[in-house]
Amino acid sequence: MGRPAIETARPQQDDDDPTVASVGEFAVIGRAVEGRRQPPTTLLGPGDDAAVVRTPDGRAAVSADMLVEHRHFRLDWSTPEQVGRKAVAQNGADIAAMGGRPSAFLVSLGCPADTPLAVAAGISDGLGSAAEALGAGVVGGDLVQADQIVVSVTVLGDLEGRDPVLRSGAREGDVVAVAGAIGRSAAGLALLLADVGSSAPGAAELIDAHRVPSPPYEQGVAAAIAGASAMTDVSDGLVADLGHIAAASGVRIRIERSRIEPAPALLEAARDLDRDPWEWILAGGEDHALAATFPPGTDVPDGWSVIGEVVSGTAGGGGSVLVDGRPWAASGGWQSFDAG
């Protein structure tokens, strides 16, 4: 299920409200870093040409992602602070999926000159507070003029001496498990597109899940310590992301819907919108839950739910992930350049 690129009007602002252009680049940057806490791994934070961060075990897990206005967020749906928090979540989840902990974020913001200062400040506040909640810090970045708001984030993570958990380690006989909610963000997006207010029963939690995902960060570490053989975050959809594990490992994965318990609010939204809830659960992205495989006999950590197993066979095509014994016939998940 792709995200429609919808042009929308931003919330109105007063003519005398300060903008990014009127206060200047350095004032905006100064506002973004003022009073921010840094973790012990930050040896030198913002203010010089580069930051200096400690990598305790000599390695750093690194990932990058972007949020583009009208494509990944709308300011008539989300506050700037929520956009910043979402940017941290989608990047931090990548580190959790490797079995690590986020330690430092580099953030670059592109925006039009007439962007209200309150918008840029709100995004910065969301980024900073979300990073600090993880025990990490925003250690640097950039600010440039662009045609629309773009938030580009690079995250560094600490593996704490453990080997990274890759997508390529799944083996026949492993169990497949998930941690965190799946399908809620897609349901929230569907409610927003249908213009269903958050006051509707059960709608608020789904809409909030779309605006700001809640990755189960600690479960990534727990899975790595327990011996997970492969892991990924569910950013593009459960079937699609399990398909990445299957392809990288050269196996097939079989999951059973009877082992997945849909959230009551999700089922209620599906009834209200006359939608199949399994399209959201199996193909909806942006929950940033975690999916992993564990060798037979492993004590799967608390917080993880077993939903299937790894079976023999060559991964590839529509049969790399089986749902109730069959290839999933509906959408497999989000793709950035999906023509739909």
C-alpha atoms as a PDB file:
ATOM      1  CA  MET A   1       0.000   0.000   0.000  1.00  0.00           C
ATOM      2  CA  GLY A   2       1.720   3.165  -1.196  1.00  0.00           C
ATOM      3  CA  ARG A   3       1.407   6.582   0.312  1.00  0.00           C
ATOM      4  CA  PRO A   4      -0.332   9.011  -2.045  1.00  0.00           C
ATOM      5  CA  ALA A   5       1.626  12.169  -2.777  1.00  0.00           C
ATOM      6  CA  ILE A   6      -0.970  14.783  -1.952  1.00  0.00           C
ATOM      7  CA  GLU A   7      -0.378  18.499  -2.279  1.00  0.00           C
ATOM      8  CA  THR A   8      -1.879  20.252   0.721  1.00  0.00           C
ATOM      9  CA  ALA A   9      -1.990  23.726   2.115  1.00  0.00           C
ATOM     10  CA  ARG A  10      -0.007  24.352   5.269  1.00  0.00           C
ATOM     11  CA  PRO A  11      -1.680  25.886   8.300  1.00  0.00           C
ATOM     12  CA  GLN A  12      -2.017  29.634   7.945  1.00  0.00           C
ATOM     13  CA  GLN A  13       0.464  31.962   9.648  1.00  0.00           C
ATOM     14  CA  ASP A  14       0.379  35.657  10.437  1.00  0.00           C
ATOM     15  CA  ASP A  15       2.318  37.963   8.124  1.00  0.00           C
ATOM     16  CA  ASP A  16       4.481  39.185  10.989  1.00  0.00           C
ATOM     17  CA  ASP A  17       5.459  35.717  12.206  1.00  0.00           C
ATOM     18  CA  PRO A  18       9.229  35.164  11.888  1.00  0.00           C
ATOM     19  CA  THR A  19      10.414  32.857   9.121  1.00  0.00           C
ATOM     20  CA  VAL A  20      13.603  30.923   8.570  1.00  0.00           C
ATOM     21  CA  ALA A  21      14.742  33.582   6.085  1.00  0.00           C
ATOM     22  CA  SER A  22      13.957  36.539   8.355  1.00  0.00           C
ATOM     23  CA  VAL A  23      15.985  35.262  11.313  1.00  0.00           C
ATOM     24  CA  GLY A  24      18.817  33.642   9.312  1.00  0.00           C
ATOM     25  CA  GLU A  25      20.467  30.263   9.091  1.00  0.00           C
ATOM     26  CA  PHE A  26      22.711  30.544  12.149  1.00  0.00           C
ATOM     27  CA  ALA A  27      19.910  31.725  14.408  1.00  0.00           C
ATOM     28  CA  VAL A  28      17.816  28.718  13.371  1.00  0.00           C
ATOM     29  CA  ILE A  29      20.727  26.356  13.980  1.00  0.00           C
ATOM     30  CA  GLY A  30      21.469  28.003  17.311  1.00  0.00           C
ATOM     31  CA  ARG A  31      17.857  27.575  18.370  1.00  0.00           C
ATOM     32  CA  ALA A  32      17.997  23.898  17.373  1.00  0.00           C
ATOM     33  CA  VAL A  33      21.024  23.028  19.519  1.00  0.00           C
ATOM     34  CA  GLU A  34      20.510  25.344  22.479  1.00  0.00           C
ATOM     35  CA  GLY A  35      20.154  23.487  25.768  1.00  0.00           C
ATOM     36  CA  ARG A  36      20.329  20.018  24.242  1.00  0.00           C
ATOM     37  CA  ARG A  37      21.735  17.227  26.405  1.00  0.00           C
ATOM     38  CA  GLN A  38      24.450  14.999  24.998  1.00  0.00           C
ATOM     39  CA  PRO A  39      25.265  11.444  26.107  1.00  0.00           C
ATOM     40  CA  PRO A  40      28.734  10.454  27.382  1.00  0.00           C
ATOM     41  CA  THR A  41      29.581   9.076  23.934  1.00  0.00           C
ATOM     42  CA  THR A  42      29.519  12.620  22.503  1.00  0.00           C
ATOM     43  CA  LEU A  43      33.016  14.035  22.983  1.00  0.00           C
ATOM     44  CA  LEU A  44      32.355  17.150  20.898  1.00  0.00           C
ATOM     45  CA  GLY A  45      28.856  18.223  19.974  1.00  0.00           C
ATOM     46  CA  PRO A  46      27.484  20.865  17.591  1.00  0.00           C
ATOM     47  CA  GLY A  47      29.483  24.040  17.000  1.00  0.00           C
ATOM     48  CA  ASP A  48      32.573  22.947  15.072  1.00  0.00           C
ATOM     49  CA  ASP A  49      33.065  21.677  11.537  1.00  0.00           C
ATOM     50  CA  ALA A  50      32.427  18.124  12.727  1.00  0.00           C
ATOM     51  CA  ALA A  51      31.285  16.366  15.865  1.00  0.00           C
ATOM     52  CA  VAL A  52      33.399  13.792  17.667  1.00  0.00           C
ATOM     53  CA  VAL A  53      31.691  10.727  19.102  1.00  0.00           C
ATOM     54  CA  ARG A  54      33.040   7.736  20.968  1.00  0.00           C
ATOM     55  CA  THR A  55      32.490   4.225  19.580  1.00  0.00           C
ATOM     56  CA  PRO A  56      32.984   2.088  22.697  1.00  0.00           C
ATOM     57  CA  ASP A  57      33.698  -1.237  20.954  1.00  0.00           C
ATOM     58  CA  GLY A  58      35.486   0.275  17.965  1.00  0.00           C
ATOM     59  CA  ARG A  59      32.536  -0.058  15.598  1.00  0.00           C
ATOM     60  CA  ALA A  60      29.432   1.975  14.810  1.00  0.00           C
ATOM     61  CA  ALA A  61      26.241   0.816  13.147  1.00  0.00           C
ATOM     62  CA  VAL A  62      25.190   3.566  10.709  1.00  0.00           C
ATOM     63  CA  SER A  63      21.927   4.175   8.868  1.00  0.00           C
ATOM     64  CA  ALA A  64      20.218   7.068   7.079  1.00  0.00           C
ATOM     65  CA  ASP A  65      16.680   7.937   6.057  1.00  0.00           C
ATOM     66  CA  MET A  66      14.622  10.900   4.866  1.00  0.00           C
ATOM     67  CA  LEU A  67      11.193  12.403   5.363  1.00  0.00           C
ATOM     68  CA  VAL A  68       9.803  14.529   2.520  1.00  0.00           C
ATOM     69  CA  GLU A  69       6.838  16.860   2.955  1.00  0.00           C
ATOM     70  CA  HIS A  70       3.690  15.754   1.081  1.00  0.00           C
ATOM     71  CA  ARG A  71       5.253  12.318   0.581  1.00  0.00           C
ATOM     72  CA  HIS A  72       5.906  11.153   4.139  1.00  0.00           C
ATOM     73  CA  PHE A  73       4.139  13.770   6.255  1.00  0.00           C
ATOM     74  CA  ARG A  74       1.633  16.614   6.056  1.00  0.00           C
ATOM     75  CA  LEU A  75       1.689  19.604   8.362  1.00  0.00           C
ATOM     76  CA  ASP A  76      -2.120  19.725   8.391  1.00  0.00           C
ATOM     77  CA  TRP A  77      -2.031  16.208   9.879  1.00  0.00           C
ATOM     78  CA  SER A  78       1.052  16.319  12.096  1.00  0.00           C
ATOM     79  CA  THR A  79       2.679  18.965  14.251  1.00  0.00           C
ATOM     80  CA  PRO A  80       6.296  19.863  13.445  1.00  0.00           C
ATOM     81  CA  GLU A  81       7.334  18.257  16.736  1.00  0.00           C
ATOM     82  CA  GLN A  82       5.667  14.989  15.674  1.00  0.00           C
ATOM     83  CA  VAL A  83       7.540  15.093  12.359  1.00  0.00           C
ATOM     84  CA  GLY A  84      10.830  15.362  14.264  1.00  0.00           C
ATOM     85  CA  ARG A  85       9.944  12.484  16.552  1.00  0.00           C
ATOM     86  CA  LYS A  86       8.938  10.359  13.577  1.00  0.00           C
ATOM     87  CA  ALA A  87      12.291  11.006  11.909  1.00  0.00           C
ATOM     88  CA  VAL A  88      14.129   9.731  14.999  1.00  0.00           C
ATOM     89  CA  ALA A  89      11.876   6.663  15.244  1.00  0.00           C
ATOM     90  CA  GLN A  90      12.374   5.489  11.686  1.00  0.00           C
ATOM     91  CA  ASN A  91      16.139   5.836  11.951  1.00  0.00           C
ATOM     92  CA  GLY A  92      16.508   4.504  15.476  1.00  0.00           C
ATOM     93  CA  ALA A  93      14.519   1.399  14.533  1.00  0.00           C
ATOM     94  CA  ASP A  94      17.181   0.509  11.953  1.00  0.00           C
ATOM     95  CA  ILE A  95      19.810   0.410  14.696  1.00  0.00           C
ATOM     96  CA  ALA A  96      17.534  -1.650  16.942  1.00  0.00           C
ATOM     97  CA  ALA A  97      17.053  -4.104  14.070  1.00  0.00           C
ATOM     98  CA  MET A  98      20.814  -4.710  14.074  1.00  0.00           C
ATOM     99  CA  GLY A  99      20.733  -5.393  17.814  1.00  0.00           C
ATOM    100  CA  GLY A 100      22.245  -2.038  18.773  1.00  0.00           C
ATOM    101  CA  ARG A 101      21.315   1.152  20.600  1.00  0.00           C
ATOM    102  CA  PRO A 102      21.151   4.570  18.887  1.00  0.00           C
ATOM    103  CA  SER A 103      23.877   6.871  20.191  1.00  0.00           C
ATOM    104  CA  ALA A 104      24.101   9.920  17.879  1.00  0.00           C
ATOM    105  CA  PHE A 105      21.973  11.580  15.198  1.00  0.00           C
ATOM    106  CA  LEU A 106      23.056  13.934  12.409  1.00  0.00           C
ATOM    107  CA  VAL A 107      20.140  15.936  11.023  1.00  0.00           C
ATOM    108  CA  SER A 108      19.931  18.019   7.850  1.00  0.00           C
ATOM    109  CA  LEU A 109      16.862  20.153   7.235  1.00  0.00           C
ATOM    110  CA  GLY A 110      15.885  21.567   3.855  1.00  0.00           C
ATOM    111  CA  CYS A 111      13.003  24.038   3.743  1.00  0.00           C
ATOM    112  CA  PRO A 112      11.614  27.014   1.783  1.00  0.00           C
ATOM    113  CA  ALA A 113      12.750  30.469   2.865  1.00  0.00           C
ATOM    114  CA  ASP A 114       9.238  31.372   4.014  1.00  0.00           C
ATOM    115  CA  THR A 115       8.979  28.399   6.372  1.00  0.00           C
ATOM    116  CA  PRO A 116       7.772  29.710   9.736  1.00  0.00           C
ATOM    117  CA  LEU A 117      10.475  29.665  12.379  1.00  0.00           C
ATOM    118  CA  ALA A 118       8.001  27.817  14.623  1.00  0.00           C
ATOM    119  CA  VAL A 119       7.931  24.922  12.141  1.00  0.00           C
ATOM    120  CA  ALA A 120      11.717  24.564  11.983  1.00  0.00           C
ATOM    121  CA  ALA A 121      11.954  24.917  15.763  1.00  0.00           C
ATOM    122  CA  GLY A 122       9.215  22.362  16.313  1.00  0.00           C
ATOM    123  CA  ILE A 123      10.933  19.795  14.107  1.00  0.00           C
ATOM    124  CA  SER A 124      14.199  20.415  15.966  1.00  0.00           C
ATOM    125  CA  ASP A 125      12.471  20.062  19.335  1.00  0.00           C
ATOM    126  CA  GLY A 126      10.912  16.760  18.303  1.00  0.00           C
ATOM    127  CA  LEU A 127      14.226  15.439  17.024  1.00  0.00           C
ATOM    128  CA  GLY A 128      16.108  16.519  20.123  1.00  0.00           C
ATOM    129  CA  SER A 129      13.637  15.252  22.701  1.00  0.00           C
ATOM    130  CA  ALA A 130      13.185  11.902  20.961  1.00  0.00           C
ATOM    131  CA  ALA A 131      16.937  11.380  20.627  1.00  0.00           C
ATOM    132  CA  GLU A 132      17.523  12.280  24.275  1.00  0.00           C
ATOM    133  CA  ALA A 133      14.794   9.848  25.360  1.00  0.00           C
ATOM    134  CA  LEU A 134      16.877   7.112  23.737  1.00  0.00           C
ATOM    135  CA  GLY A 135      20.027   8.176  25.560  1.00  0.00           C
ATOM    136  CA  ALA A 136      21.395   9.616  22.314  1.00  0.00           C
ATOM    137  CA  GLY A 137      22.059  13.138  21.065  1.00  0.00           C
ATOM    138  CA  VAL A 138      21.726  15.278  17.945  1.00  0.00           C
ATOM    139  CA  VAL A 139      25.404  16.030  17.349  1.00  0.00           C
ATOM    140  CA  GLY A 140      25.278  18.071  14.135  1.00  0.00           C
ATOM    141  CA  GLY A 141      23.723  18.564  10.726  1.00  0.00           C
ATOM    142  CA  ASP A 142      22.925  21.244   8.160  1.00  0.00           C
ATOM    143  CA  LEU A 143      20.233  23.716   7.101  1.00  0.00           C
ATOM    144  CA  VAL A 144      19.610  24.529   3.429  1.00  0.00           C
ATOM    145  CA  GLN A 145      16.952  26.178   1.308  1.00  0.00           C
ATOM    146  CA  ALA A 146      14.708  23.751  -0.594  1.00  0.00           C
ATOM    147  CA  ASP A 147      11.389  23.775  -2.443  1.00  0.00           C
ATOM    148  CA  GLN A 148       9.707  21.772   0.327  1.00  0.00           C
ATOM    149  CA  ILE A 149      10.563  20.535   3.788  1.00  0.00           C
ATOM    150  CA  VAL A 150      12.972  17.604   3.795  1.00  0.00           C
ATOM    151  CA  VAL A 151      14.336  16.041   6.974  1.00  0.00           C
ATOM    152  CA  SER A 152      17.418  13.877   6.371  1.00  0.00           C
ATOM    153  CA  VAL A 153      18.772  11.903   9.310  1.00  0.00           C
ATOM    154  CA  THR A 154      21.881   9.781   9.795  1.00  0.00           C
ATOM    155  CA  VAL A 155      22.086   7.724  12.976  1.00  0.00           C
ATOM    156  CA  LEU A 156      25.052   6.050  14.656  1.00  0.00           C
ATOM    157  CA  GLY A 157      24.500   3.067  16.920  1.00  0.00           C
ATOM    158  CA  ASP A 158      26.421   1.124  19.545  1.00  0.00           C
ATOM    159  CA  LEU A 159      26.526  -2.679  19.190  1.00  0.00           C
ATOM    160  CA  GLU A 160      27.947  -2.993  22.725  1.00  0.00           C
ATOM    161  CA  GLY A 161      30.434  -5.651  21.705  1.00  0.00           C
ATOM    162  CA  ARG A 162      27.878  -7.947  20.062  1.00  0.00           C
ATOM    163  CA  ASP A 163      27.893  -9.060  16.445  1.00  0.00           C
ATOM    164  CA  PRO A 164      25.267  -7.247  14.368  1.00  0.00           C
ATOM    165  CA  VAL A 165      22.123  -9.250  13.640  1.00  0.00           C
ATOM    166  CA  LEU A 166      21.868  -9.433   9.851  1.00  0.00           C
ATOM    167  CA  ARG A 167      19.017 -10.246   7.495  1.00  0.00           C
ATOM    168  CA  SER A 168      20.981 -13.154   6.054  1.00  0.00           C
ATOM    169  CA  GLY A 169      21.128 -15.481   9.058  1.00  0.00           C
ATOM    170  CA  ALA A 170      17.736 -17.216   8.933  1.00  0.00           C
ATOM    171  CA  ARG A 171      17.881 -20.997   8.608  1.00  0.00           C
ATOM    172  CA  GLU A 172      15.327 -23.748   8.055  1.00  0.00           C
ATOM    173  CA  GLY A 173      13.628 -24.629  11.326  1.00  0.00           C
ATOM    174  CA  ASP A 174      14.021 -21.186  12.898  1.00  0.00           C
ATOM    175  CA  VAL A 175      10.927 -19.627  14.419  1.00  0.00           C
ATOM    176  CA  VAL A 176       9.686 -16.247  13.194  1.00  0.00           C
ATOM    177  CA  ALA A 177       8.577 -13.669  15.744  1.00  0.00           C
ATOM    178  CA  VAL A 178       7.565 -10.022  15.927  1.00  0.00           C
ATOM    179  CA  ALA A 179       7.830  -7.356  18.621  1.00  0.00           C
ATOM    180  CA  GLY A 180       5.771  -4.185  18.606  1.00  0.00           C
ATOM    181  CA  ALA A 181       2.534  -3.234  16.906  1.00  0.00           C
ATOM    182  CA  ILE A 182       1.907  -3.957  13.228  1.00  0.00           C
ATOM    183  CA  GLY A 183      -0.739  -2.437  10.982  1.00  0.00           C
ATOM    184  CA  ARG A 184      -1.596   0.508  13.219  1.00  0.00           C
ATOM    185  CA  SER A 185       0.251   3.161  11.214  1.00  0.00           C
ATOM    186  CA  ALA A 186      -1.381   2.051   7.968  1.00  0.00           C
ATOM    187  CA  ALA A 187      -4.787   2.084   9.646  1.00  0.00           C
ATOM    188  CA  GLY A 188      -4.099   5.573  10.979  1.00  0.00           C
ATOM    189  CA  LEU A 189      -3.146   6.779   7.514  1.00  0.00           C
ATOM    190  CA  ALA A 190      -6.365   5.304   6.097  1.00  0.00           C
ATOM    191  CA  LEU A 191      -8.381   7.158   8.746  1.00  0.00           C
ATOM    192  CA  LEU A 192      -6.620  10.425   7.912  1.00  0.00           C
ATOM    193  CA  LEU A 193      -7.208   9.958   4.196  1.00  0.00           C
ATOM    194  CA  ALA A 194     -10.877   9.239   4.902  1.00  0.00           C
ATOM    195  CA  ASP A 195     -11.023  12.400   7.043  1.00  0.00           C
ATOM    196  CA  VAL A 196     -12.130  10.449  10.097  1.00  0.00           C
ATOM    197  CA  GLY A 197     -11.547  12.604  13.163  1.00  0.00           C
ATOM    198  CA  SER A 198      -9.445  11.368  16.054  1.00  0.00           C
ATOM    199  CA  SER A 199     -12.495  11.657  18.292  1.00  0.00           C
ATOM    200  CA  ALA A 200     -13.992   8.562  16.668  1.00  0.00           C
ATOM    201  CA  PRO A 201     -13.772   5.482  18.932  1.00  0.00           C
ATOM    202  CA  GLY A 202     -10.341   3.872  18.659  1.00  0.00           C
ATOM    203  CA  ALA A 203      -9.198   6.256  15.934  1.00  0.00           C
ATOM    204  CA  ALA A 204      -6.915   8.428  18.062  1.00  0.00           C
ATOM    205  CA  GLU A 205      -4.418   5.685  18.909  1.00  0.00           C
ATOM    206  CA  LEU A 206      -4.162   4.615  15.270  1.00  0.00           C
ATOM    207  CA  ILE A 207      -3.691   8.163  13.999  1.00  0.00           C
ATOM    208  CA  ASP A 208      -1.093   8.787  16.705  1.00  0.00           C
ATOM    209  CA  ALA A 209       0.713   5.592  15.626  1.00  0.00           C
ATOM    210  CA  HIS A 210       0.970   7.007  12.101  1.00  0.00           C
ATOM    211  CA  ARG A 211       2.113  10.429  13.234  1.00  0.00           C
ATOM    212  CA  VAL A 212       4.748   9.083  15.651  1.00  0.00           C
ATOM    213  CA  PRO A 213       5.701   5.378  15.495  1.00  0.00           C
ATOM    214  CA  SER A 214       6.844   3.665  18.707  1.00  0.00           C
ATOM    215  CA  PRO A 215       9.582   1.158  17.809  1.00  0.00           C
ATOM    216  CA  PRO A 216      10.320  -1.453  20.496  1.00  0.00           C
ATOM    217  CA  TYR A 217      13.973  -0.392  20.731  1.00  0.00           C
ATOM    218  CA  GLU A 218      14.896  -2.545  23.729  1.00  0.00           C
ATOM    219  CA  GLN A 219      13.482  -5.638  22.060  1.00  0.00           C
ATOM    220  CA  GLY A 220      16.158  -5.391  19.385  1.00  0.00           C
ATOM    221  CA  VAL A 221      18.839  -5.610  22.038  1.00  0.00           C
ATOM    222  CA  ALA A 222      16.953  -8.411  23.820  1.00  0.00           C
ATOM    223  CA  ALA A 223      16.690 -10.394  20.580  1.00  0.00           C
ATOM    224  CA  ALA A 224      20.406 -10.007  19.864  1.00  0.00           C
ATOM    225  CA  ILE A 225      21.327 -11.173  23.366  1.00  0.00           C
ATOM    226  CA  ALA A 226      18.950 -14.149  23.027  1.00  0.00           C
ATOM    227  CA  GLY A 227      20.694 -15.230  19.807  1.00  0.00           C
ATOM    228  CA  ALA A 228      18.375 -14.046  17.020  1.00  0.00           C
ATOM    229  CA  SER A 229      19.620 -15.385  13.703  1.00  0.00           C
ATOM    230  CA  ALA A 230      18.154 -12.585  11.541  1.00  0.00           C
ATOM    231  CA  MET A 231      16.238  -9.377  12.171  1.00  0.00           C
ATOM    232  CA  THR A 232      14.719  -6.366  10.410  1.00  0.00           C
ATOM    233  CA  ASP A 233      12.404  -3.502  11.246  1.00  0.00           C
ATOM    234  CA  VAL A 234       8.925  -3.437   9.728  1.00  0.00           C
ATOM    235  CA  SER A 235       9.115  -0.231   7.730  1.00  0.00           C
ATOM    236  CA  ASP A 236       7.702  -1.351   4.370  1.00  0.00           C
ATOM    237  CA  GLY A 237       5.189  -3.962   5.562  1.00  0.00           C
ATOM    238  CA  LEU A 238       5.474  -7.301   7.381  1.00  0.00           C
ATOM    239  CA  VAL A 239       5.358  -9.487   4.260  1.00  0.00           C
ATOM    240  CA  ALA A 240       7.764  -7.223   2.359  1.00  0.00           C
ATOM    241  CA  ASP A 241      10.282  -7.001   5.191  1.00  0.00           C
ATOM    242  CA  LEU A 242      10.162 -10.716   5.993  1.00  0.00           C
ATOM    243  CA  GLY A 243      10.719 -11.136   2.264  1.00  0.00           C
ATOM    244  CA  HIS A 244      13.993  -9.221   2.635  1.00  0.00           C
ATOM    245  CA  ILE A 245      15.113 -11.725   5.286  1.00  0.00           C
ATOM    246  CA  ALA A 246      14.005 -14.639   3.112  1.00  0.00           C
ATOM    247  CA  ALA A 247      15.850 -13.309   0.055  1.00  0.00           C
ATOM    248  CA  ALA A 248      19.043 -12.534   1.973  1.00  0.00           C
ATOM    249  CA  SER A 249      19.007 -15.932   3.717  1.00  0.00           C
ATOM    250  CA  GLY A 250      17.956 -18.033   0.706  1.00  0.00           C
ATOM    251  CA  VAL A 251      14.941 -19.497   2.504  1.00  0.00           C
ATOM    252  CA  ARG A 252      11.167 -19.242   2.608  1.00  0.00           C
ATOM    253  CA  ILE A 253       9.159 -17.966   5.537  1.00  0.00           C
ATOM    254  CA  ARG A 254       5.731 -19.195   6.533  1.00  0.00           C
ATOM    255  CA  ILE A 255       3.522 -17.169   8.870  1.00  0.00           C
ATOM    256  CA  GLU A 256       0.052 -17.927  10.223  1.00  0.00           C
ATOM    257  CA  ARG A 257      -2.608 -15.279  10.691  1.00  0.00           C
ATOM    258  CA  SER A 258      -4.081 -17.282  13.572  1.00  0.00           C
ATOM    259  CA  ARG A 259      -0.937 -16.411  15.559  1.00  0.00           C
ATOM    260  CA  ILE A 260      -1.384 -12.660  15.056  1.00  0.00           C
ATOM    261  CA  GLU A 261      -3.902 -10.850  17.240  1.00  0.00           C
ATOM    262  CA  PRO A 262      -5.104  -7.640  15.565  1.00  0.00           C
ATOM    263  CA  ALA A 263      -5.589  -4.642  17.839  1.00  0.00           C
ATOM    264  CA  PRO A 264      -9.287  -4.013  18.612  1.00  0.00           C
ATOM    265  CA  ALA A 265      -9.009  -0.429  17.365  1.00  0.00           C
ATOM    266  CA  LEU A 266      -7.609  -1.674  14.066  1.00  0.00           C
ATOM    267  CA  LEU A 267     -10.515  -4.088  13.576  1.00  0.00           C
ATOM    268  CA  GLU A 268     -12.966  -1.317  14.412  1.00  0.00           C
ATOM    269  CA  ALA A 269     -11.368   1.020  11.867  1.00  0.00           C
ATOM    270  CA  ALA A 270     -11.501  -1.715   9.222  1.00  0.00           C
ATOM    271  CA  ARG A 271     -15.232  -2.130   9.823  1.00  0.00           C
ATOM    272  CA  ASP A 272     -15.837   1.605   9.700  1.00  0.00           C
ATOM    273  CA  LEU A 273     -13.908   2.019   6.451  1.00  0.00           C
ATOM    274  CA  ASP A 274     -15.027  -1.300   4.914  1.00  0.00           C
ATOM    275  CA  ARG A 275     -11.415  -2.427   4.569  1.00  0.00           C
ATOM    276  CA  ASP A 276      -9.641  -5.744   5.030  1.00  0.00           C
ATOM    277  CA  PRO A 277      -7.585  -5.324   8.234  1.00  0.00           C
ATOM    278  CA  TRP A 278      -5.036  -7.873   7.018  1.00  0.00           C
ATOM    279  CA  GLU A 279      -3.949  -5.505   4.264  1.00  0.00           C
ATOM    280  CA  TRP A 280      -2.821  -3.119   7.003  1.00  0.00           C
ATOM    281  CA  ILE A 281      -1.323  -5.849   9.204  1.00  0.00           C
ATOM    282  CA  LEU A 282       0.558  -7.700   6.466  1.00  0.00           C
ATOM    283  CA  ALA A 283       1.334  -4.905   4.011  1.00  0.00           C
ATOM    284  CA  GLY A 284       1.140  -1.667   5.980  1.00  0.00           C
ATOM    285  CA  GLY A 285       4.463   0.015   6.698  1.00  0.00           C
ATOM    286  CA  GLU A 286       5.846   2.616   9.094  1.00  0.00           C
ATOM    287  CA  ASP A 287       5.046   0.864  12.366  1.00  0.00           C
ATOM    288  CA  HIS A 288       8.761   0.152  12.781  1.00  0.00           C
ATOM    289  CA  ALA A 289       8.033  -2.971  14.752  1.00  0.00           C
ATOM    290  CA  LEU A 290      10.757  -5.632  14.681  1.00  0.00           C
ATOM    291  CA  ALA A 291      10.651  -9.023  12.987  1.00  0.00           C
ATOM    292  CA  ALA A 292      13.260 -11.682  13.699  1.00  0.00           C
ATOM    293  CA  THR A 293      14.087 -15.353  13.403  1.00  0.00           C
ATOM    294  CA  PHE A 294      15.388 -17.454  16.266  1.00  0.00           C
ATOM    295  CA  PRO A 295      17.107 -20.872  16.132  1.00  0.00           C
ATOM    296  CA  PRO A 296      15.065 -23.878  17.316  1.00  0.00           C
ATOM    297  CA  GLY A 297      15.041 -24.224  21.095  1.00  0.00           C
ATOM    298  CA  THR A 298      15.806 -20.534  21.715  1.00  0.00           C
ATOM    299  CA  ASP A 299      13.925 -18.906  24.578  1.00  0.00           C
ATOM    300  CA  VAL A 300      12.246 -16.134  22.614  1.00  0.00           C
ATOM    301  CA  PRO A 301      12.407 -13.000  24.819  1.00  0.00           C
ATOM    302  CA  ASP A 302       9.344 -11.613  26.562  1.00  0.00           C
ATOM    303  CA  GLY A 303       7.723  -9.041  24.312  1.00  0.00           C
ATOM    304  CA  TRP A 304       8.170 -11.169  21.200  1.00  0.00           C
ATOM    305  CA  SER A 305       5.325 -13.209  19.646  1.00  0.00           C
ATOM    306  CA  VAL A 306       6.021 -16.253  17.480  1.00  0.00           C
ATOM    307  CA  ILE A 307       4.009 -16.042  14.250  1.00  0.00           C
ATOM    308  CA  GLY A 308       5.630 -18.634  11.987  1.00  0.00           C
ATOM    309  CA  GLU A 309       8.723 -20.533  10.943  1.00  0.00           C
ATOM    310  CA  VAL A 310      11.473 -20.670   8.367  1.00  0.00           C
ATOM    311  CA  VAL A 311      11.076 -23.464   5.833  1.00  0.00           C
ATOM    312  CA  SER A 312      13.241 -24.830   3.062  1.00  0.00           C
ATOM    313  CA  GLY A 313      13.108 -23.551  -0.470  1.00  0.00           C
ATOM    314  CA  THR A 314      14.645 -20.865  -2.615  1.00  0.00           C
ATOM    315  CA  ALA A 315      13.467 -17.374  -1.787  1.00  0.00           C
ATOM    316  CA  GLY A 316      12.268 -15.155  -4.568  1.00  0.00           C
ATOM    317  CA  GLY A 317       9.140 -13.922  -6.272  1.00  0.00           C
ATOM    318  CA  GLY A 318       5.793 -13.963  -4.547  1.00  0.00           C
ATOM    319  CA  GLY A 319       6.472 -17.249  -2.777  1.00  0.00           C
ATOM    320  CA  SER A 320       9.284 -16.163  -0.488  1.00  0.00           C
ATOM    321  CA  VAL A 321       6.764 -15.435   2.297  1.00  0.00           C
ATOM    322  CA  LEU A 322       3.750 -17.687   2.699  1.00  0.00           C
ATOM    323  CA  VAL A 323       0.677 -16.558   4.615  1.00  0.00           C
ATOM    324  CA  ASP A 324      -1.391 -19.513   5.816  1.00  0.00           C
ATOM    325  CA  GLY A 325       0.541 -21.692   3.377  1.00  0.00           C
ATOM    326  CA  ARG A 326      -0.016 -19.499   0.317  1.00  0.00           C
ATOM    327  CA  PRO A 327       1.718 -16.498  -1.266  1.00  0.00           C
ATOM    328  CA  TRP A 328       0.110 -13.250  -0.112  1.00  0.00           C
ATOM    329  CA  ALA A 329      -1.919 -12.081  -3.094  1.00  0.00           C
ATOM    330  CA  ALA A 330      -2.473  -8.477  -2.063  1.00  0.00           C
ATOM    331  CA  SER A 331       0.070  -5.666  -1.868  1.00  0.00           C
ATOM    332  CA  GLY A 332       3.382  -6.744  -0.381  1.00  0.00           C
ATOM    333  CA  GLY A 333       4.226  -3.370   1.090  1.00  0.00           C
ATOM    334  CA  TRP A 334       5.483   0.146   0.481  1.00  0.00           C
ATOM    335  CA  GLN A 335       7.961   1.060  -2.270  1.00  0.00           C
ATOM    336  CA  SER A 336       9.243   4.613  -2.696  1.00  0.00           C
ATOM    337  CA  PHE A 337       8.861   4.555  -6.483  1.00  0.00           C
ATOM    338  CA  ASP A 338       5.673   2.495  -6.651  1.00  0.00           C
ATOM    339  CA  ALA A 339       3.712   3.789  -9.635  1.00  0.00           C
ATOM    340  CA  GLY A 340       0.544   3.451  -7.558  1.00  0.00           C
END
